[in-house]
């Protein structure tokens, strides 16, 4: 099974937020997932995401592919942690 770490859309119209999930790459965007790894809310001011870095590192270690958007969130989180 090919696992990807990607965003899963939640919320209603004009109230969109996302969950960061580990999912089978063949499942639909909002379909089944293996584990919730965090959240991202683009409309929120300031700290608009929360990521479980240890679980993301675990999934990357077993070969999960990270989507481009989640990769940018990870870069942002790692920069904030280093500062």
PDB file of N, CA and C in Angstrom:
ATOM      1  N   UNK A   1       0.841  -1.174   0.000  1.00  0.00           N
ATOM      2  CA  UNK A   1       0.000   0.000   0.000  1.00  0.00           C
ATOM      3  C   UNK A   1       0.890   1.243   0.000  1.00  0.00           C
ATOM      4  N   UNK A   2       0.653   2.143  -0.944  1.00  0.00           N
ATOM      5  CA  UNK A   2       1.389   3.396  -1.024  1.00  0.00           C
ATOM      6  C   UNK A   2       0.682   4.437  -0.159  1.00  0.00           C
ATOM      7  N   UNK A   3       1.399   4.954   0.832  1.00  0.00           N
ATOM      8  CA  UNK A   3       0.820   5.917   1.770  1.00  0.00           C
ATOM      9  C   UNK A   3       1.271   7.315   1.394  1.00  0.00           C
ATOM     10  N   UNK A   4       0.335   8.273   1.461  1.00  0.00           N
ATOM     11  CA  UNK A   4       0.689   9.666   1.244  1.00  0.00           C
ATOM     12  C   UNK A   4       0.210  10.489   2.435  1.00  0.00           C
ATOM     13  N   UNK A   5       0.945  11.539   2.733  1.00  0.00           N
ATOM     14  CA  UNK A   5       0.563  12.489   3.771  1.00  0.00           C
ATOM     15  C   UNK A   5       0.031  13.703   3.037  1.00  0.00           C
ATOM     16  N   UNK A   6      -1.241  13.997   3.240  1.00  0.00           N
ATOM     17  CA  UNK A   6      -1.905  15.036   2.460  1.00  0.00           C
ATOM     18  C   UNK A   6      -2.999  15.693   3.277  1.00  0.00           C
ATOM     19  N   UNK A   7      -3.648  16.701   2.675  1.00  0.00           N
ATOM     20  CA  UNK A   7      -4.732  17.405   3.337  1.00  0.00           C
ATOM     21  C   UNK A   7      -6.067  16.753   3.027  1.00  0.00           C
ATOM     22  N   UNK A   8      -6.955  16.777   4.016  1.00  0.00           N
ATOM     23  CA  UNK A   8      -8.326  16.282   3.872  1.00  0.00           C
ATOM     24  C   UNK A   8      -9.228  17.446   4.219  1.00  0.00           C
ATOM     25  N   UNK A   9     -10.089  17.849   3.297  1.00  0.00           N
ATOM     26  CA  UNK A   9     -10.938  19.020   3.487  1.00  0.00           C
ATOM     27  C   UNK A   9     -12.064  18.726   4.462  1.00  0.00           C
ATOM     28  N   UNK A  10     -12.309  19.660   5.387  1.00  0.00           N
ATOM     29  CA  UNK A  10     -13.427  19.567   6.319  1.00  0.00           C
ATOM     30  C   UNK A  10     -14.111  20.925   6.377  1.00  0.00           C
ATOM     31  N   UNK A  11     -15.248  20.994   7.024  1.00  0.00           N
ATOM     32  CA  UNK A  11     -15.970  22.252   7.152  1.00  0.00           C
ATOM     33  C   UNK A  11     -16.919  22.461   5.995  1.00  0.00           C
ATOM     34  N   UNK A  12     -17.682  23.522   6.070  1.00  0.00           N
ATOM     35  CA  UNK A  12     -18.694  23.815   5.061  1.00  0.00           C
ATOM     36  C   UNK A  12     -18.231  24.862   4.073  1.00  0.00           C
ATOM     37  N   UNK A  13     -19.171  25.294   3.266  1.00  0.00           N
ATOM     38  CA  UNK A  13     -18.901  26.307   2.265  1.00  0.00           C
ATOM     39  C   UNK A  13     -18.463  27.602   2.964  1.00  0.00           C
ATOM     40  N   UNK A  14     -17.384  28.189   2.518  1.00  0.00           N
ATOM     41  CA  UNK A  14     -16.771  29.392   3.085  1.00  0.00           C
ATOM     42  C   UNK A  14     -16.293  29.223   4.524  1.00  0.00           C
ATOM     43  N   UNK A  15     -16.265  28.030   5.043  1.00  0.00           N
ATOM     44  CA  UNK A  15     -15.742  27.736   6.383  1.00  0.00           C
ATOM     45  C   UNK A  15     -14.773  26.562   6.295  1.00  0.00           C
ATOM     46  N   UNK A  16     -13.904  26.591   5.321  1.00  0.00           N
ATOM     47  CA  UNK A  16     -13.027  25.467   5.016  1.00  0.00           C
ATOM     48  C   UNK A  16     -11.878  25.374   6.011  1.00  0.00           C
ATOM     49  N   UNK A  17     -11.605  24.166   6.452  1.00  0.00           N
ATOM     50  CA  UNK A  17     -10.389  23.868   7.194  1.00  0.00           C
ATOM     51  C   UNK A  17      -9.923  22.500   6.712  1.00  0.00           C
ATOM     52  N   UNK A  18      -8.725  22.123   7.090  1.00  0.00           N
ATOM     53  CA  UNK A  18      -8.153  20.879   6.588  1.00  0.00           C
ATOM     54  C   UNK A  18      -7.575  20.067   7.732  1.00  0.00           C
ATOM     55  N   UNK A  19      -7.571  18.757   7.568  1.00  0.00           N
ATOM     56  CA  UNK A  19      -6.850  17.871   8.463  1.00  0.00           C
ATOM     57  C   UNK A  19      -5.681  17.300   7.674  1.00  0.00           C
ATOM     58  N   UNK A  20      -4.553  17.182   8.325  1.00  0.00           N
ATOM     59  CA  UNK A  20      -3.389  16.540   7.721  1.00  0.00           C
ATOM     60  C   UNK A  20      -3.505  15.064   8.076  1.00  0.00           C
ATOM     61  N   UNK A  21      -3.551  14.197   7.054  1.00  0.00           N
ATOM     62  CA  UNK A  21      -3.772  12.774   7.288  1.00  0.00           C
ATOM     63  C   UNK A  21      -2.752  11.930   6.539  1.00  0.00           C
ATOM     64  N   UNK A  22      -2.555  10.725   7.058  1.00  0.00           N
ATOM     65  CA  UNK A  22      -1.835   9.689   6.329  1.00  0.00           C
ATOM     66  C   UNK A  22      -2.914   8.817   5.702  1.00  0.00           C
ATOM     67  N   UNK A  23      -2.874   8.666   4.384  1.00  0.00           N
ATOM     68  CA  UNK A  23      -3.918   7.928   3.684  1.00  0.00           C
ATOM     69  C   UNK A  23      -3.316   7.100   2.564  1.00  0.00           C
ATOM     70  N   UNK A  24      -4.046   6.063   2.178  1.00  0.00           N
ATOM     71  CA  UNK A  24      -3.670   5.285   1.007  1.00  0.00           C
ATOM     72  C   UNK A  24      -3.770   6.225  -0.191  1.00  0.00           C
ATOM     73  N   UNK A  25      -2.770   6.264  -1.028  1.00  0.00           N
ATOM     74  CA  UNK A  25      -2.750   7.206  -2.148  1.00  0.00           C
ATOM     75  C   UNK A  25      -3.871   6.957  -3.158  1.00  0.00           C
ATOM     76  N   UNK A  26      -4.475   5.777  -3.124  1.00  0.00           N
ATOM     77  CA  UNK A  26      -5.554   5.473  -4.057  1.00  0.00           C
ATOM     78  C   UNK A  26      -6.919   5.930  -3.547  1.00  0.00           C
ATOM     79  N   UNK A  27      -7.041   6.288  -2.273  1.00  0.00           N
ATOM     80  CA  UNK A  27      -8.330   6.704  -1.732  1.00  0.00           C
ATOM     81  C   UNK A  27      -8.623   8.157  -2.121  1.00  0.00           C
ATOM     82  N   UNK A  28      -9.903   8.534  -2.204  1.00  0.00           N
ATOM     83  CA  UNK A  28     -10.246   9.906  -2.590  1.00  0.00           C
ATOM     84  C   UNK A  28      -9.807  10.922  -1.534  1.00  0.00           C
ATOM     85  N   UNK A  29      -9.776  12.183  -1.925  1.00  0.00           N
ATOM     86  CA  UNK A  29      -9.281  13.248  -1.044  1.00  0.00           C
ATOM     87  C   UNK A  29      -9.959  13.243   0.322  1.00  0.00           C
ATOM     88  N   UNK A  30     -11.278  13.139   0.349  1.00  0.00           N
ATOM     89  CA  UNK A  30     -12.016  13.173   1.615  1.00  0.00           C
ATOM     90  C   UNK A  30     -12.472  11.788   2.049  1.00  0.00           C
ATOM     91  N   UNK A  31     -11.867  10.756   1.493  1.00  0.00           N
ATOM     92  CA  UNK A  31     -12.263   9.383   1.802  1.00  0.00           C
ATOM     93  C   UNK A  31     -11.524   8.821   3.001  1.00  0.00           C
ATOM     94  N   UNK A  32     -11.326   7.518   2.984  1.00  0.00           N
ATOM     95  CA  UNK A  32     -10.696   6.832   4.111  1.00  0.00           C
ATOM     96  C   UNK A  32      -9.272   7.314   4.343  1.00  0.00           C
ATOM     97  N   UNK A  33      -8.868   7.284   5.595  1.00  0.00           N
ATOM     98  CA  UNK A  33      -7.505   7.640   5.956  1.00  0.00           C
ATOM     99  C   UNK A  33      -7.031   6.694   7.041  1.00  0.00           C
ATOM    100  N   UNK A  34      -5.746   6.673   7.275  1.00  0.00           N
ATOM    101  CA  UNK A  34      -5.149   5.779   8.265  1.00  0.00           C
ATOM    102  C   UNK A  34      -5.032   6.471   9.616  1.00  0.00           C
ATOM    103  N   UNK A  35      -4.546   7.723   9.611  1.00  0.00           N
ATOM    104  CA  UNK A  35      -4.302   8.428  10.869  1.00  0.00           C
ATOM    105  C   UNK A  35      -4.351   9.934  10.642  1.00  0.00           C
ATOM    106  N   UNK A  36      -4.913  10.663  11.600  1.00  0.00           N
ATOM    107  CA  UNK A  36      -4.905  12.122  11.565  1.00  0.00           C
ATOM    108  C   UNK A  36      -3.582  12.595  12.173  1.00  0.00           C
ATOM    109  N   UNK A  37      -2.876  13.454  11.439  1.00  0.00           N
ATOM    110  CA  UNK A  37      -1.556  13.912  11.862  1.00  0.00           C
ATOM    111  C   UNK A  37      -1.530  15.387  12.243  1.00  0.00           C
ATOM    112  N   UNK A  38      -2.656  16.081  12.132  1.00  0.00           N
ATOM    113  CA  UNK A  38      -2.706  17.488  12.494  1.00  0.00           C
ATOM    114  C   UNK A  38      -3.838  18.186  11.772  1.00  0.00           C
ATOM    115  N   UNK A  39      -3.829  19.512  11.835  1.00  0.00           N
ATOM    116  CA  UNK A  39      -4.838  20.308  11.151  1.00  0.00           C
ATOM    117  C   UNK A  39      -4.226  21.589  10.597  1.00  0.00           C
ATOM    118  N   UNK A  40      -4.966  22.228   9.662  1.00  0.00           N
ATOM    119  CA  UNK A  40      -4.550  23.479   9.046  1.00  0.00           C
ATOM    120  C   UNK A  40      -5.807  24.287   8.756  1.00  0.00           C
ATOM    121  N   UNK A  41      -5.849  25.529   9.232  1.00  0.00           N
ATOM    122  CA  UNK A  41      -6.998  26.411   9.015  1.00  0.00           C
ATOM    123  C   UNK A  41      -6.511  27.688   8.346  1.00  0.00           C
ATOM    124  N   UNK A  42      -6.692  27.809   7.017  1.00  0.00           N
ATOM    125  CA  UNK A  42      -6.128  28.952   6.301  1.00  0.00           C
ATOM    126  C   UNK A  42      -6.740  30.297   6.680  1.00  0.00           C
ATOM    127  N   UNK A  43      -7.950  30.328   7.232  1.00  0.00           N
ATOM    128  CA  UNK A  43      -8.596  31.603   7.572  1.00  0.00           C
ATOM    129  C   UNK A  43      -8.199  32.115   8.956  1.00  0.00           C
ATOM    130  N   UNK A  44      -7.604  31.281   9.754  1.00  0.00           N
ATOM    131  CA  UNK A  44      -7.235  31.656  11.120  1.00  0.00           C
ATOM    132  C   UNK A  44      -5.998  32.552  11.108  1.00  0.00           C
ATOM    133  N   UNK A  45      -5.971  33.543  11.955  1.00  0.00           N
ATOM    134  CA  UNK A  45      -4.827  34.458  12.047  1.00  0.00           C
ATOM    135  C   UNK A  45      -3.779  33.882  12.992  1.00  0.00           C
ATOM    136  N   UNK A  46      -2.534  34.209  12.750  1.00  0.00           N
ATOM    137  CA  UNK A  46      -1.450  33.744  13.611  1.00  0.00           C
ATOM    138  C   UNK A  46      -1.136  32.277  13.392  1.00  0.00           C
ATOM    139  N   UNK A  47      -1.089  31.512  14.474  1.00  0.00           N
ATOM    140  CA  UNK A  47      -0.780  30.077  14.410  1.00  0.00           C
ATOM    141  C   UNK A  47      -1.993  29.348  13.821  1.00  0.00           C
ATOM    142  N   UNK A  48      -1.934  29.003  12.540  1.00  0.00           N
ATOM    143  CA  UNK A  48      -3.095  28.406  11.876  1.00  0.00           C
ATOM    144  C   UNK A  48      -2.899  26.931  11.517  1.00  0.00           C
ATOM    145  N   UNK A  49      -1.993  26.258  12.223  1.00  0.00           N
ATOM    146  CA  UNK A  49      -1.779  24.831  11.981  1.00  0.00           C
ATOM    147  C   UNK A  49      -1.250  24.171  13.240  1.00  0.00           C
ATOM    148  N   UNK A  50      -1.411  22.862  13.317  1.00  0.00           N
ATOM    149  CA  UNK A  50      -0.840  22.050  14.387  1.00  0.00           C
ATOM    150  C   UNK A  50      -0.472  20.716  13.769  1.00  0.00           C
ATOM    151  N   UNK A  51       0.775  20.307  13.923  1.00  0.00           N
ATOM    152  CA  UNK A  51       1.253  19.066  13.324  1.00  0.00           C
ATOM    153  C   UNK A  51       1.878  18.166  14.377  1.00  0.00           C
ATOM    154  N   UNK A  52       1.610  16.872  14.306  1.00  0.00           N
ATOM    155  CA  UNK A  52       2.256  15.886  15.173  1.00  0.00           C
ATOM    156  C   UNK A  52       3.543  15.461  14.469  1.00  0.00           C
ATOM    157  N   UNK A  53       4.621  16.184  14.771  1.00  0.00           N
ATOM    158  CA  UNK A  53       5.878  15.988  14.054  1.00  0.00           C
ATOM    159  C   UNK A  53       6.451  14.586  14.239  1.00  0.00           C
ATOM    160  N   UNK A  54       6.273  13.984  15.422  1.00  0.00           N
ATOM    161  CA  UNK A  54       6.807  12.640  15.648  1.00  0.00           C
ATOM    162  C   UNK A  54       6.102  11.605  14.779  1.00  0.00           C
ATOM    163  N   UNK A  55       4.785  11.721  14.624  1.00  0.00           N
ATOM    164  CA  UNK A  55       4.038  10.775  13.789  1.00  0.00           C
ATOM    165  C   UNK A  55       4.329  11.001  12.297  1.00  0.00           C
ATOM    166  N   UNK A  56       4.519  12.254  11.910  1.00  0.00           N
ATOM    167  CA  UNK A  56       4.869  12.544  10.515  1.00  0.00           C
ATOM    168  C   UNK A  56       6.238  11.958  10.202  1.00  0.00           C
ATOM    169  N   UNK A  57       7.178  12.092  11.137  1.00  0.00           N
ATOM    170  CA  UNK A  57       8.511  11.512  10.948  1.00  0.00           C
ATOM    171  C   UNK A  57       8.422   9.992  10.834  1.00  0.00           C
ATOM    172  N   UNK A  58       7.542   9.374  11.621  1.00  0.00           N
ATOM    173  CA  UNK A  58       7.350   7.919  11.534  1.00  0.00           C
ATOM    174  C   UNK A  58       6.872   7.530  10.141  1.00  0.00           C
ATOM    175  N   UNK A  59       5.855   8.221   9.635  1.00  0.00           N
ATOM    176  CA  UNK A  59       5.314   7.867   8.322  1.00  0.00           C
ATOM    177  C   UNK A  59       6.314   8.144   7.204  1.00  0.00           C
ATOM    178  N   UNK A  60       7.085   9.209   7.319  1.00  0.00           N
ATOM    179  CA  UNK A  60       8.130   9.474   6.326  1.00  0.00           C
ATOM    180  C   UNK A  60       9.185   8.371   6.377  1.00  0.00           C
ATOM    181  N   UNK A  61       9.469   7.884   7.587  1.00  0.00           N
ATOM    182  CA  UNK A  61      10.459   6.820   7.756  1.00  0.00           C
ATOM    183  C   UNK A  61      10.061   5.504   7.125  1.00  0.00           C
ATOM    184  N   UNK A  62       8.761   5.245   7.042  1.00  0.00           N
ATOM    185  CA  UNK A  62       8.306   3.994   6.422  1.00  0.00           C
ATOM    186  C   UNK A  62       7.947   4.185   4.952  1.00  0.00           C
ATOM    187  N   UNK A  63       8.266   5.375   4.397  1.00  0.00           N
ATOM    188  CA  UNK A  63       8.139   5.562   2.953  1.00  0.00           C
ATOM    189  C   UNK A  63       6.937   6.342   2.468  1.00  0.00           C
ATOM    190  N   UNK A  64       6.239   7.052   3.338  1.00  0.00           N
ATOM    191  CA  UNK A  64       5.090   7.844   2.907  1.00  0.00           C
ATOM    192  C   UNK A  64       5.552   9.032   2.067  1.00  0.00           C
ATOM    193  N   UNK A  65       4.772   9.360   1.049  1.00  0.00           N
ATOM    194  CA  UNK A  65       5.056  10.489   0.171  1.00  0.00           C
ATOM    195  C   UNK A  65       4.289  11.696   0.702  1.00  0.00           C
ATOM    196  N   UNK A  66       4.976  12.826   0.843  1.00  0.00           N
ATOM    197  CA  UNK A  66       4.371  14.044   1.389  1.00  0.00           C
ATOM    198  C   UNK A  66       3.926  14.936   0.239  1.00  0.00           C
ATOM    199  N   UNK A  67       2.682  15.443   0.307  1.00  0.00           N
ATOM    200  CA  UNK A  67       2.186  16.337  -0.742  1.00  0.00           C
ATOM    201  C   UNK A  67       2.910  17.681  -0.662  1.00  0.00           C
ATOM    202  N   UNK A  68       2.833  18.458  -1.729  1.00  0.00           N
ATOM    203  CA  UNK A  68       3.532  19.743  -1.793  1.00  0.00           C
ATOM    204  C   UNK A  68       3.033  20.712  -0.717  1.00  0.00           C
ATOM    205  N   UNK A  69       1.734  20.768  -0.510  1.00  0.00           N
ATOM    206  CA  UNK A  69       1.173  21.689   0.480  1.00  0.00           C
ATOM    207  C   UNK A  69       1.593  21.310   1.888  1.00  0.00           C
ATOM    208  N   UNK A  70       1.547  20.029   2.206  1.00  0.00           N
ATOM    209  CA  UNK A  70       1.975  19.580   3.532  1.00  0.00           C
ATOM    210  C   UNK A  70       3.468  19.804   3.702  1.00  0.00           C
ATOM    211  N   UNK A  71       4.241  19.626   2.646  1.00  0.00           N
ATOM    212  CA  UNK A  71       5.682  19.878   2.718  1.00  0.00           C
ATOM    213  C   UNK A  71       5.952  21.337   3.084  1.00  0.00           C
ATOM    214  N   UNK A  72       5.178  22.270   2.522  1.00  0.00           N
ATOM    215  CA  UNK A  72       5.375  23.683   2.866  1.00  0.00           C
ATOM    216  C   UNK A  72       4.979  23.949   4.314  1.00  0.00           C
ATOM    217  N   UNK A  73       3.933  23.284   4.825  1.00  0.00           N
ATOM    218  CA  UNK A  73       3.571  23.417   6.237  1.00  0.00           C
ATOM    219  C   UNK A  73       4.676  22.873   7.137  1.00  0.00           C
ATOM    220  N   UNK A  74       5.274  21.760   6.733  1.00  0.00           N
ATOM    221  CA  UNK A  74       6.369  21.178   7.515  1.00  0.00           C
ATOM    222  C   UNK A  74       7.568  22.118   7.562  1.00  0.00           C
ATOM    223  N   UNK A  75       7.903  22.742   6.439  1.00  0.00           N
ATOM    224  CA  UNK A  75       9.006  23.713   6.405  1.00  0.00           C
ATOM    225  C   UNK A  75       8.716  24.869   7.359  1.00  0.00           C
ATOM    226  N   UNK A  76       7.474  25.360   7.318  1.00  0.00           N
ATOM    227  CA  UNK A  76       7.060  26.454   8.183  1.00  0.00           C
ATOM    228  C   UNK A  76       7.162  26.054   9.657  1.00  0.00           C
ATOM    229  N   UNK A  77       6.723  24.850   9.991  1.00  0.00           N
ATOM    230  CA  UNK A  77       6.768  24.358  11.384  1.00  0.00           C
ATOM    231  C   UNK A  77       8.193  24.178  11.850  1.00  0.00           C
ATOM    232  N   UNK A  78       9.053  23.650  10.993  1.00  0.00           N
ATOM    233  CA  UNK A  78      10.453  23.430  11.381  1.00  0.00           C
ATOM    234  C   UNK A  78      11.195  24.751  11.565  1.00  0.00           C
ATOM    235  N   UNK A  79      10.877  25.752  10.733  1.00  0.00           N
ATOM    236  CA  UNK A  79      11.481  27.076  10.888  1.00  0.00           C
ATOM    237  C   UNK A  79      11.042  27.711  12.203  1.00  0.00           C
ATOM    238  N   UNK A  80       9.758  27.569  12.547  1.00  0.00           N
ATOM    239  CA  UNK A  80       9.225  28.153  13.779  1.00  0.00           C
ATOM    240  C   UNK A  80       9.841  27.474  14.997  1.00  0.00           C
ATOM    241  N   UNK A  81      10.070  26.170  14.901  1.00  0.00           N
ATOM    242  CA  UNK A  81      10.659  25.426  16.018  1.00  0.00           C
ATOM    243  C   UNK A  81      12.129  25.812  16.229  1.00  0.00           C
ATOM    244  N   UNK A  82      12.836  26.070  15.132  1.00  0.00           N
ATOM    245  CA  UNK A  82      14.253  26.426  15.217  1.00  0.00           C
ATOM    246  C   UNK A  82      14.455  27.840  15.760  1.00  0.00           C
ATOM    247  N   UNK A  83      13.480  28.701  15.543  1.00  0.00           N
ATOM    248  CA  UNK A  83      13.621  30.119  15.976  1.00  0.00           C
ATOM    249  C   UNK A  83      13.378  30.314  17.441  1.00  0.00           C
TER     250      UNK A  83
END
